[in-house]
PDB file of N, CA and C in Angstrom:
ATOM      1  N   MET A   1      44.900 -13.469 -11.900  1.00  0.00           N
ATOM      2  CA  MET A   1      43.843 -12.180 -11.163  1.00  0.00           C
ATOM      3  C   MET A   1      43.488 -12.075  -9.961  1.00  0.00           C
ATOM      4  N   TYR A   2      43.329 -10.964  -9.094  1.00  0.00           N
ATOM      5  CA  TYR A   2      43.600 -10.574  -7.925  1.00  0.00           C
ATOM      6  C   TYR A   2      42.436  -9.189  -7.888  1.00  0.00           C
ATOM      7  N   LEU A   3      41.726  -9.310  -6.585  1.00  0.00           N
ATOM      8  CA  LEU A   3      40.755  -7.877  -6.341  1.00  0.00           C
ATOM      9  C   LEU A   3      41.318  -7.781  -5.531  1.00  0.00           C
ATOM     10  N   ASP A   4      41.671  -5.978  -5.176  1.00  0.00           N
ATOM     11  CA  ASP A   4      41.618  -5.402  -4.486  1.00  0.00           C
ATOM     12  C   ASP A   4      40.322  -5.187  -3.635  1.00  0.00           C
ATOM     13  N   LEU A   5      40.512  -4.694  -2.331  1.00  0.00           N
ATOM     14  CA  LEU A   5      39.233  -4.416  -1.442  1.00  0.00           C
ATOM     15  C   LEU A   5      38.746  -3.134  -1.926  1.00  0.00           C
ATOM     16  N   GLU A   6      39.044  -2.387  -2.888  1.00  0.00           N
ATOM     17  CA  GLU A   6      37.987  -1.079  -3.392  1.00  0.00           C
ATOM     18  C   GLU A   6      37.503  -1.905  -4.387  1.00  0.00           C
ATOM     19  N   SER A   7      37.828  -2.476  -5.472  1.00  0.00           N
ATOM     20  CA  SER A   7      37.627  -3.327  -6.505  1.00  0.00           C
ATOM     21  C   SER A   7      36.018  -4.098  -6.442  1.00  0.00           C
ATOM     22  N   LEU A   8      36.718  -4.561  -5.094  1.00  0.00           N
ATOM     23  CA  LEU A   8      35.690  -5.351  -3.894  1.00  0.00           C
ATOM     24  C   LEU A   8      33.856  -4.890  -3.861  1.00  0.00           C
ATOM     25  N   PHE A   9      34.626  -4.295  -3.391  1.00  0.00           N
ATOM     26  CA  PHE A   9      33.497  -2.693  -2.566  1.00  0.00           C
ATOM     27  C   PHE A   9      33.063  -2.122  -3.985  1.00  0.00           C
ATOM     28  N   ILE A  10      33.297  -1.273  -5.674  1.00  0.00           N
ATOM     29  CA  ILE A  10      32.558  -1.120  -6.229  1.00  0.00           C
ATOM     30  C   ILE A  10      31.276  -2.240  -6.780  1.00  0.00           C
ATOM     31  N   VAL A  11      32.007  -3.434  -6.526  1.00  0.00           N
ATOM     32  CA  VAL A  11      31.567  -4.267  -7.602  1.00  0.00           C
ATOM     33  C   VAL A  11      30.295  -4.711  -6.742  1.00  0.00           C
ATOM     34  N   THR A  12      30.313  -4.872  -5.392  1.00  0.00           N
ATOM     35  CA  THR A  12      29.648  -5.014  -4.969  1.00  0.00           C
ATOM     36  C   THR A  12      28.246  -3.884  -4.885  1.00  0.00           C
ATOM     37  N   LEU A  13      29.030  -2.298  -4.659  1.00  0.00           N
ATOM     38  CA  LEU A  13      27.822  -1.434  -4.264  1.00  0.00           C
ATOM     39  C   LEU A  13      27.104  -1.214  -6.241  1.00  0.00           C
ATOM     40  N   PHE A  14      27.528  -2.050  -7.083  1.00  0.00           N
ATOM     41  CA  PHE A  14      26.649  -1.957  -8.327  1.00  0.00           C
ATOM     42  C   PHE A  14      25.829  -2.624  -8.459  1.00  0.00           C
ATOM     43  N   ILE A  15      26.597  -3.976  -7.425  1.00  0.00           N
ATOM     44  CA  ILE A  15      24.922  -5.459  -7.738  1.00  0.00           C
ATOM     45  C   ILE A  15      24.282  -4.982  -6.315  1.00  0.00           C
ATOM     46  N   TYR A  16      24.548  -4.206  -5.132  1.00  0.00           N
ATOM     47  CA  TYR A  16      23.303  -4.101  -4.678  1.00  0.00           C
ATOM     48  C   TYR A  16      22.331  -2.709  -5.256  1.00  0.00           C
ATOM     49  N   LEU A  17      23.031  -1.710  -5.912  1.00  0.00           N
ATOM     50  CA  LEU A  17      22.218  -0.694  -6.532  1.00  0.00           C
ATOM     51  C   LEU A  17      21.187  -1.314  -7.963  1.00  0.00           C
ATOM     52  N   PHE A  18      22.162  -2.428  -8.862  1.00  0.00           N
ATOM     53  CA  PHE A  18      21.185  -2.909  -9.719  1.00  0.00           C
ATOM     54  C   PHE A  18      19.872  -4.130  -8.761  1.00  0.00           C
ATOM     55  N   TYR A  19      20.121  -4.597  -7.741  1.00  0.00           N
ATOM     56  CA  TYR A  19      19.227  -5.385  -7.272  1.00  0.00           C
ATOM     57  C   TYR A  19      18.287  -4.593  -6.775  1.00  0.00           C
ATOM     58  N   HIS A  20      18.194  -3.177  -6.015  1.00  0.00           N
ATOM     59  CA  HIS A  20      17.371  -2.454  -5.478  1.00  0.00           C
ATOM     60  C   HIS A  20      16.043  -1.633  -7.202  1.00  0.00           C
ATOM     61  N   TRP A  21      16.865  -1.530  -7.861  1.00  0.00           N
ATOM     62  CA  TRP A  21      16.314  -0.689  -8.962  1.00  0.00           C
ATOM     63  C   TRP A  21      15.433  -1.768  -9.403  1.00  0.00           C
ATOM     64  N   TRP A  22      15.753  -2.917  -9.566  1.00  0.00           N
ATOM     65  CA  TRP A  22      14.924  -4.186  -9.853  1.00  0.00           C
ATOM     66  C   TRP A  22      13.522  -4.288  -9.356  1.00  0.00           C
ATOM     67  N   GLN A  23      13.998  -4.530  -7.304  1.00  0.00           N
ATOM     68  CA  GLN A  23      13.109  -4.365  -6.849  1.00  0.00           C
ATOM     69  C   GLN A  23      11.714  -3.188  -6.478  1.00  0.00           C
ATOM     70  N   SER A  24      12.246  -2.002  -7.691  1.00  0.00           N
ATOM     71  CA  SER A  24      12.028  -0.990  -7.267  1.00  0.00           C
ATOM     72  C   SER A  24      10.684  -0.856  -8.683  1.00  0.00           C
ATOM     73  N   GLN A  25      11.245  -1.640  -9.703  1.00  0.00           N
ATOM     74  CA  GLN A  25      10.766  -1.986 -10.729  1.00  0.00           C
ATOM     75  C   GLN A  25       9.391  -3.056 -10.437  1.00  0.00           C
ATOM     76  N   LYS A  26       9.222  -4.011  -9.656  1.00  0.00           N
ATOM     77  CA  LYS A  26       8.714  -5.186  -9.109  1.00  0.00           C
ATOM     78  C   LYS A  26       7.572  -3.804  -7.988  1.00  0.00           C
ATOM     79  N   VAL A  27       8.014  -2.897  -7.372  1.00  0.00           N
ATOM     80  CA  VAL A  27       7.173  -2.355  -6.520  1.00  0.00           C
ATOM     81  C   VAL A  27       6.468  -1.765  -7.329  1.00  0.00           C
ATOM     82  N   LYS A  28       6.975  -0.988  -8.024  1.00  0.00           N
ATOM     83  CA  LYS A  28       5.888   0.238  -9.154  1.00  0.00           C
ATOM     84  C   LYS A  28       5.292  -0.698  -9.940  1.00  0.00           C
ATOM     85  N   GLU A  29       5.322  -1.479 -10.750  1.00  0.00           N
ATOM     86  CA  GLU A  29       4.538  -2.844 -11.281  1.00  0.00           C
ATOM     87  C   GLU A  29       3.020  -3.631 -10.400  1.00  0.00           C
ATOM     88  N   ILE A  30       3.122  -4.028  -8.972  1.00  0.00           N
ATOM     89  CA  ILE A  30       2.467  -3.556  -8.314  1.00  0.00           C
ATOM     90  C   ILE A  30       1.677  -2.394  -8.259  1.00  0.00           C
ATOM     91  N   ALA A  31       1.885  -1.627  -7.887  1.00  0.00           N
ATOM     92  CA  ALA A  31       1.235   0.037  -7.559  1.00  0.00           C
ATOM     93  C   ALA A  31       0.251   0.540  -9.086  1.00  0.00           C
ATOM     94  N   LEU A  32       1.531  -0.305  -9.676  1.00  0.00           N
ATOM     95  CA  LEU A  32       0.819  -0.065 -11.146  1.00  0.00           C
ATOM     96  C   LEU A  32      -0.703  -0.425 -11.930  1.00  0.00           C
ATOM     97  N   ASN A  33      -0.145  -1.595 -11.090  1.00  0.00           N
ATOM     98  CA  ASN A  33      -1.511  -2.744 -11.302  1.00  0.00           C
ATOM     99  C   ASN A  33      -3.266  -2.155 -10.112  1.00  0.00           C
ATOM    100  N   LYS A  34      -2.609  -2.056  -9.556  1.00  0.00           N
ATOM    101  CA  LYS A  34      -3.848  -1.696  -8.242  1.00  0.00           C
ATOM    102  C   LYS A  34      -3.870  -0.362  -8.730  1.00  0.00           C
ATOM    103  N   THR A  35      -3.765   0.455  -9.481  1.00  0.00           N
ATOM    104  CA  THR A  35      -3.916   2.255  -9.984  1.00  0.00           C
ATOM    105  C   THR A  35      -4.864   1.719 -11.521  1.00  0.00           C
ATOM    106  N   ARG A  36      -5.371   0.959 -11.922  1.00  0.00           N
ATOM    107  CA  ARG A  36      -5.161   0.193 -13.241  1.00  0.00           C
ATOM    108  C   ARG A  36      -6.847  -0.252 -12.811  1.00  0.00           C
ATOM    109  N   LYS A  37      -6.584  -1.567 -11.721  1.00  0.00           N
ATOM    110  CA  LYS A  37      -8.116  -2.046 -11.170  1.00  0.00           C
ATOM    111  C   LYS A  37      -9.257  -0.866 -10.764  1.00  0.00           C
ATOM    112  N   GLN A  38      -8.089   0.132  -9.712  1.00  0.00           N
ATOM    113  CA  GLN A  38      -8.924   0.947  -9.118  1.00  0.00           C
ATOM    114  C   GLN A  38      -9.800   2.013 -10.466  1.00  0.00           C
ATOM    115  N   CYS A  39      -9.209   2.480 -11.620  1.00  0.00           N
ATOM    116  CA  CYS A  39      -9.613   3.416 -12.583  1.00  0.00           C
ATOM    117  C   CYS A  39     -11.189   2.603 -12.862  1.00  0.00           C
ATOM    118  N   LYS A  40     -10.055   1.576 -13.088  1.00  0.00           N
ATOM    119  CA  LYS A  40     -11.618   0.483 -14.131  1.00  0.00           C
ATOM    120  C   LYS A  40     -12.884   0.758 -13.238  1.00  0.00           C
ATOM    121  N   GLU A  41     -12.303   0.031 -12.157  1.00  0.00           N
ATOM    122  CA  GLU A  41     -13.427  -0.333 -10.969  1.00  0.00           C
ATOM    123  C   GLU A  41     -14.307   1.205 -10.733  1.00  0.00           C
ATOM    124  N   LEU A  42     -13.501   2.119 -11.146  1.00  0.00           N
ATOM    125  CA  LEU A  42     -14.046   3.694 -10.964  1.00  0.00           C
ATOM    126  C   LEU A  42     -15.028   4.357 -12.322  1.00  0.00           C
ATOM    127  N   ASP A  43     -14.410   3.314 -13.381  1.00  0.00           N
ATOM    128  CA  ASP A  43     -15.328   3.493 -14.441  1.00  0.00           C
ATOM    129  C   ASP A  43     -14.085   4.934 -14.994  1.00  0.00           C
ATOM    130  N   VAL A  44     -13.138   5.367 -14.678  1.00  0.00           N
ATOM    131  CA  VAL A  44     -12.500   6.768 -15.124  1.00  0.00           C
ATOM    132  C   VAL A  44     -10.839   6.604 -15.752  1.00  0.00           C
ATOM    133  N   GLN A  45     -10.003   7.016 -16.732  1.00  0.00           N
ATOM    134  CA  GLN A  45      -9.641   6.910 -17.913  1.00  0.00           C
ATOM    135  C   GLN A  45      -8.214   7.075 -17.315  1.00  0.00           C
ATOM    136  N   LEU A  46      -7.288   5.769 -17.005  1.00  0.00           N
ATOM    137  CA  LEU A  46      -5.625   6.316 -16.675  1.00  0.00           C
ATOM    138  C   LEU A  46      -4.868   7.117 -17.397  1.00  0.00           C
ATOM    139  N   LEU A  47      -4.796   7.876 -17.527  1.00  0.00           N
ATOM    140  CA  LEU A  47      -4.164   8.838 -17.984  1.00  0.00           C
ATOM    141  C   LEU A  47      -2.362   8.717 -18.216  1.00  0.00           C
ATOM    142  N   ASP A  48      -2.212   8.323 -19.653  1.00  0.00           N
ATOM    143  CA  ASP A  48      -0.458   8.089 -19.785  1.00  0.00           C
ATOM    144  C   ASP A  48      -0.141   6.271 -19.163  1.00  0.00           C
ATOM    145  N   ASP A  49      -1.032   5.445 -18.651  1.00  0.00           N
ATOM    146  CA  ASP A  49      -1.064   4.710 -18.427  1.00  0.00           C
ATOM    147  C   ASP A  49       0.361   4.543 -17.304  1.00  0.00           C
ATOM    148  N   ASN A  50       0.500   5.341 -16.682  1.00  0.00           N
ATOM    149  CA  ASN A  50       1.215   5.782 -16.222  1.00  0.00           C
ATOM    150  C   ASN A  50       1.441   6.456 -14.843  1.00  0.00           C
ATOM    151  N   ILE A  51       2.675   5.705 -13.704  1.00  0.00           N
ATOM    152  CA  ILE A  51       2.550   6.448 -12.667  1.00  0.00           C
ATOM    153  C   ILE A  51       4.420   7.084 -12.514  1.00  0.00           C
ATOM    154  N   ASN A  52       4.033   7.964 -11.342  1.00  0.00           N
ATOM    155  CA  ASN A  52       5.162   8.736 -11.638  1.00  0.00           C
ATOM    156  C   ASN A  52       5.704   8.268  -9.758  1.00  0.00           C
ATOM    157  N   LEU A  53       6.835   7.896  -9.977  1.00  0.00           N
ATOM    158  CA  LEU A  53       7.857   8.222  -8.035  1.00  0.00           C
ATOM    159  C   LEU A  53       7.410   9.784  -7.753  1.00  0.00           C
ATOM    160  N   ARG A  54       7.207   9.869  -6.353  1.00  0.00           N
ATOM    161  CA  ARG A  54       7.276  11.340  -6.304  1.00  0.00           C
ATOM    162  C   ARG A  54       8.813  11.294  -5.032  1.00  0.00           C
ATOM    163  N   ALA A  55       8.261  10.328  -4.344  1.00  0.00           N
ATOM    164  CA  ALA A  55       8.982  10.435  -2.990  1.00  0.00           C
ATOM    165  C   ALA A  55       9.063   8.964  -3.020  1.00  0.00           C
ATOM    166  N   PHE A  56       9.842   9.112  -2.010  1.00  0.00           N
ATOM    167  CA  PHE A  56      10.215   7.205  -0.568  1.00  0.00           C
ATOM    168  C   PHE A  56      11.224   7.849   0.328  1.00  0.00           C
ATOM    169  N   TRP A  57      11.045   7.345   1.496  1.00  0.00           N
ATOM    170  CA  TRP A  57      11.571   7.463   2.451  1.00  0.00           C
ATOM    171  C   TRP A  57      11.536   5.994   3.703  1.00  0.00           C
ATOM    172  N   LEU A  58      11.791   5.251   4.432  1.00  0.00           N
ATOM    173  CA  LEU A  58      12.371   4.629   5.256  1.00  0.00           C
ATOM    174  C   LEU A  58      11.337   4.888   6.361  1.00  0.00           C
ATOM    175  N   LYS A  59      10.203   3.384   6.459  1.00  0.00           N
ATOM    176  CA  LYS A  59       9.264   3.325   7.350  1.00  0.00           C
ATOM    177  C   LYS A  59       9.213   2.265   8.430  1.00  0.00           C
ATOM    178  N   ARG A  60       8.876   2.465   9.476  1.00  0.00           N
ATOM    179  CA  ARG A  60       8.543   0.914   9.628  1.00  0.00           C
ATOM    180  C   ARG A  60       6.976   0.108   9.726  1.00  0.00           C
ATOM    181  N   ASP A  61       6.836  -1.239   9.725  1.00  0.00           N
ATOM    182  CA  ASP A  61       5.403  -1.265   9.138  1.00  0.00           C
ATOM    183  C   ASP A  61       4.650  -1.822  10.220  1.00  0.00           C
ATOM    184  N   GLU A  62       3.421  -3.004  10.252  1.00  0.00           N
ATOM    185  CA  GLU A  62       2.648  -2.926  11.131  1.00  0.00           C
ATOM    186  C   GLU A  62       3.830  -3.422  12.194  1.00  0.00           C
ATOM    187  N   LYS A  63       5.221  -4.605  11.919  1.00  0.00           N
ATOM    188  CA  LYS A  63       5.191  -5.294  12.823  1.00  0.00           C
ATOM    189  C   LYS A  63       6.889  -5.117  13.066  1.00  0.00           C
ATOM    190  N   GLY A  64       6.797  -3.464  12.800  1.00  0.00           N
ATOM    191  CA  GLY A  64       8.211  -2.828  13.438  1.00  0.00           C
ATOM    192  C   GLY A  64       9.612  -3.227  12.192  1.00  0.00           C
ATOM    193  N   MET A  65       9.300  -3.831  11.097  1.00  0.00           N
ATOM    194  CA  MET A  65      10.413  -3.896  10.324  1.00  0.00           C
ATOM    195  C   MET A  65      10.256  -3.180   9.130  1.00  0.00           C
ATOM    196  N   ILE A  66      11.671  -2.574   9.004  1.00  0.00           N
ATOM    197  CA  ILE A  66      11.992  -0.929   8.069  1.00  0.00           C
ATOM    198  C   ILE A  66      11.987  -1.534   7.185  1.00  0.00           C
ATOM    199  N   ARG A  67      10.626  -0.430   6.336  1.00  0.00           N
ATOM    200  CA  ARG A  67      10.308  -0.803   4.954  1.00  0.00           C
ATOM    201  C   ARG A  67      11.218   0.519   3.606  1.00  0.00           C
ATOM    202  N   ILE A  68      10.706   0.748   2.920  1.00  0.00           N
ATOM    203  CA  ILE A  68      10.859   1.657   2.056  1.00  0.00           C
ATOM    204  C   ILE A  68       9.205   1.703   1.644  1.00  0.00           C
ATOM    205  N   TRP A  69       9.006   3.054   1.959  1.00  0.00           N
ATOM    206  CA  TRP A  69       7.756   3.600   2.232  1.00  0.00           C
ATOM    207  C   TRP A  69       7.917   4.707   0.565  1.00  0.00           C
ATOM    208  N   ARG A  70       7.039   3.988  -0.035  1.00  0.00           N
ATOM    209  CA  ARG A  70       6.617   5.283  -1.885  1.00  0.00           C
ATOM    210  C   ARG A  70       5.314   5.890  -1.732  1.00  0.00           C
ATOM    211  N   SER A  71       5.597   6.935  -2.399  1.00  0.00           N
ATOM    212  CA  SER A  71       4.782   8.005  -3.220  1.00  0.00           C
ATOM    213  C   SER A  71       4.698   7.679  -4.544  1.00  0.00           C
ATOM    214  N   TYR A  72       3.715   7.106  -5.156  1.00  0.00           N
ATOM    215  CA  TYR A  72       3.572   7.853  -6.736  1.00  0.00           C
ATOM    216  C   TYR A  72       2.591   8.210  -7.258  1.00  0.00           C
ATOM    217  N   ASN A  73       2.435   9.886  -7.721  1.00  0.00           N
ATOM    218  CA  ASN A  73       1.219  10.591  -8.474  1.00  0.00           C
ATOM    219  C   ASN A  73       0.772   9.434 -10.259  1.00  0.00           C
ATOM    220  N   PHE A  74      -0.482  10.208 -10.223  1.00  0.00           N
ATOM    221  CA  PHE A  74      -1.136   9.420 -11.144  1.00  0.00           C
ATOM    222  C   PHE A  74      -2.004  10.450 -12.432  1.00  0.00           C
ATOM    223  N   GLU A  75      -2.360  10.604 -13.214  1.00  0.00           N
ATOM    224  CA  GLU A  75      -3.511  11.070 -13.577  1.00  0.00           C
ATOM    225  C   GLU A  75      -4.543  10.414 -14.143  1.00  0.00           C
ATOM    226  N   PHE A  76      -6.076  11.216 -13.836  1.00  0.00           N
ATOM    227  CA  PHE A  76      -6.901  10.177 -15.353  1.00  0.00           C
ATOM    228  C   PHE A  76      -7.703  11.381 -15.178  1.00  0.00           C
ATOM    229  N   SER A  77      -8.770  10.711 -15.720  1.00  0.00           N
ATOM    230  CA  SER A  77      -9.704  11.613 -16.371  1.00  0.00           C
ATOM    231  C   SER A  77     -11.009  10.854 -16.740  1.00  0.00           C
ATOM    232  N   SER A  78     -12.297  11.464 -16.194  1.00  0.00           N
ATOM    233  CA  SER A  78     -13.430  11.162 -15.730  1.00  0.00           C
ATOM    234  C   SER A  78     -14.218  11.305 -17.363  1.00  0.00           C
ATOM    235  N   THR A  79     -14.047  11.872 -17.586  1.00  0.00           N
ATOM    236  CA  THR A  79     -14.841  13.021 -18.618  1.00  0.00           C
ATOM    237  C   THR A  79     -14.341  12.579 -19.739  1.00  0.00           C
ATOM    238  N   GLY A  80     -12.900  12.499 -20.084  1.00  0.00           N
ATOM    239  CA  GLY A  80     -12.625  12.872 -21.815  1.00  0.00           C
ATOM    240  C   GLY A  80     -11.847  14.016 -21.823  1.00  0.00           C
ATOM    241  N   GLU A  81     -12.458  15.122 -20.649  1.00  0.00           N
ATOM    242  CA  GLU A  81     -11.864  16.886 -21.018  1.00  0.00           C
ATOM    243  C   GLU A  81     -10.829  16.941 -19.979  1.00  0.00           C
ATOM    244  N   GLU A  82     -11.268  16.558 -18.831  1.00  0.00           N
ATOM    245  CA  GLU A  82     -10.271  17.083 -18.538  1.00  0.00           C
ATOM    246  C   GLU A  82      -9.834  16.446 -17.537  1.00  0.00           C
ATOM    247  N   ARG A  83      -8.286  16.959 -16.606  1.00  0.00           N
ATOM    248  CA  ARG A  83      -6.984  15.865 -15.464  1.00  0.00           C
ATOM    249  C   ARG A  83      -7.481  16.517 -14.842  1.00  0.00           C
ATOM    250  N   TYR A  84      -6.922  15.273 -13.534  1.00  0.00           N
ATOM    251  CA  TYR A  84      -7.423  14.445 -12.242  1.00  0.00           C
ATOM    252  C   TYR A  84      -5.940  14.522 -11.751  1.00  0.00           C
ATOM    253  N   SER A  85      -5.695  13.994 -10.599  1.00  0.00           N
ATOM    254  CA  SER A  85      -4.733  13.806 -10.307  1.00  0.00           C
ATOM    255  C   SER A  85      -5.095  12.759  -8.859  1.00  0.00           C
ATOM    256  N   GLY A  86      -3.955  11.711  -8.944  1.00  0.00           N
ATOM    257  CA  GLY A  86      -4.357  10.748  -7.740  1.00  0.00           C
ATOM    258  C   GLY A  86      -2.962   9.972  -7.612  1.00  0.00           C
ATOM    259  N   ARG A  87      -2.719   9.468  -5.809  1.00  0.00           N
ATOM    260  CA  ARG A  87      -1.519   9.355  -5.738  1.00  0.00           C
ATOM    261  C   ARG A  87      -1.914   7.453  -4.770  1.00  0.00           C
ATOM    262  N   VAL A  88      -0.738   7.099  -4.888  1.00  0.00           N
ATOM    263  CA  VAL A  88      -0.780   5.391  -4.368  1.00  0.00           C
ATOM    264  C   VAL A  88       0.799   4.799  -3.454  1.00  0.00           C
ATOM    265  N   VAL A  89       0.388   4.801  -2.755  1.00  0.00           N
ATOM    266  CA  VAL A  89       1.161   4.975  -1.627  1.00  0.00           C
ATOM    267  C   VAL A  89       1.578   3.518  -1.119  1.00  0.00           C
ATOM    268  N   THR A  90       2.798   3.023  -1.130  1.00  0.00           N
ATOM    269  CA  THR A  90       3.591   1.396  -1.210  1.00  0.00           C
ATOM    270  C   THR A  90       4.239   1.523   0.377  1.00  0.00           C
ATOM    271  N   LEU A  91       4.040   0.520   0.721  1.00  0.00           N
ATOM    272  CA  LEU A  91       4.932   0.230   1.470  1.00  0.00           C
ATOM    273  C   LEU A  91       5.563  -1.086   1.823  1.00  0.00           C
ATOM    274  N   GLY A  92       7.092  -1.617   1.722  1.00  0.00           N
ATOM    275  CA  GLY A  92       7.343  -2.796   1.070  1.00  0.00           C
ATOM    276  C   GLY A  92       6.789  -2.511   0.181  1.00  0.00           C
ATOM    277  N   ARG A  93       6.066  -3.891   0.229  1.00  0.00           N
ATOM    278  CA  ARG A  93       5.743  -4.664  -1.479  1.00  0.00           C
ATOM    279  C   ARG A  93       3.640  -4.393  -1.809  1.00  0.00           C
ATOM    280  N   THR A  94       3.514  -3.261  -0.351  1.00  0.00           N
ATOM    281  CA  THR A  94       2.081  -3.779  -0.590  1.00  0.00           C
ATOM    282  C   THR A  94       1.570  -2.075  -0.413  1.00  0.00           C
ATOM    283  N   VAL A  95       0.529  -1.881  -0.545  1.00  0.00           N
ATOM    284  CA  VAL A  95      -0.701  -0.841  -0.926  1.00  0.00           C
ATOM    285  C   VAL A  95      -0.883  -0.763  -0.189  1.00  0.00           C
ATOM    286  N   THR A  96      -0.586   0.599   1.005  1.00  0.00           N
ATOM    287  CA  THR A  96      -1.348   1.484   1.817  1.00  0.00           C
ATOM    288  C   THR A  96      -1.812   2.037   1.518  1.00  0.00           C
ATOM    289  N   ASP A  97      -2.656   3.064   0.276  1.00  0.00           N
ATOM    290  CA  ASP A  97      -3.063   4.390   0.166  1.00  0.00           C
ATOM    291  C   ASP A  97      -3.342   4.187  -0.990  1.00  0.00           C
ATOM    292  N   PHE A  98      -4.463   4.614  -1.568  1.00  0.00           N
ATOM    293  CA  PHE A  98      -4.630   5.378  -2.427  1.00  0.00           C
ATOM    294  C   PHE A  98      -5.976   6.086  -2.436  1.00  0.00           C
ATOM    295  N   HIS A  99      -5.696   7.635  -3.661  1.00  0.00           N
ATOM    296  CA  HIS A  99      -6.386   8.178  -2.882  1.00  0.00           C
ATOM    297  C   HIS A  99      -6.603   9.323  -4.963  1.00  0.00           C
ATOM    298  N   MET A 100      -8.062  10.004  -4.900  1.00  0.00           N
ATOM    299  CA  MET A 100      -7.891  10.119  -6.143  1.00  0.00           C
ATOM    300  C   MET A 100      -8.728  11.590  -6.164  1.00  0.00           C
ATOM    301  N   ASP A 101      -8.272  12.688  -6.318  1.00  0.00           N
ATOM    302  CA  ASP A 101      -8.579  14.004  -6.536  1.00  0.00           C
ATOM    303  C   ASP A 101     -10.557  13.929  -6.977  1.00  0.00           C
ATOM    304  N   PRO A 102     -11.260  14.812  -5.750  1.00  0.00           N
ATOM    305  CA  PRO A 102     -12.580  14.148  -6.196  1.00  0.00           C
ATOM    306  C   PRO A 102     -12.937  14.870  -7.506  1.00  0.00           C
ATOM    307  N   HIS A 103     -13.536  14.630  -8.934  1.00  0.00           N
ATOM    308  CA  HIS A 103     -13.726  14.474 -10.054  1.00  0.00           C
ATOM    309  C   HIS A 103     -15.629  14.254 -10.620  1.00  0.00           C
ATOM    310  N   ARG A 104     -15.759  14.710 -11.795  1.00  0.00           N
ATOM    311  CA  ARG A 104     -16.924  15.301 -12.077  1.00  0.00           C
ATOM    312  C   ARG A 104     -17.127  13.895 -12.591  1.00  0.00           C
ATOM    313  N   MET A 105     -18.590  12.885 -12.490  1.00  0.00           N
ATOM    314  CA  MET A 105     -18.692  11.779 -12.704  1.00  0.00           C
ATOM    315  C   MET A 105     -19.818  12.191 -13.873  1.00  0.00           C
ATOM    316  N   HIS A 106     -19.491  10.947 -15.162  1.00  0.00           N
ATOM    317  CA  HIS A 106     -20.590  12.180 -16.490  1.00  0.00           C
ATOM    318  C   HIS A 106     -22.043  10.698 -16.247  1.00  0.00           C
TER     319      HIS A 106
END
């Protein structure tokens, strides 16, 4: 059995895409855990227990290394009646920003 160059390229591409997806799931889990922790500390409810990828880009970290920057959106409620938006940003595997819209306190 011989693999030609085109087949080898396709297999390598699929392996890379799977690896990227797998790493992305790890980063999303890190961001979701941070969001859950912040919501618990602020006594608000994370709605749908979910965050959604809004954008991603390549950026340099503080050491000058190129990392993937990701922005996730989520919704939360402080009273159970109204929905508010929030955002968590990661650079590589590090959460760099966490923002919640102004909301009512109960």
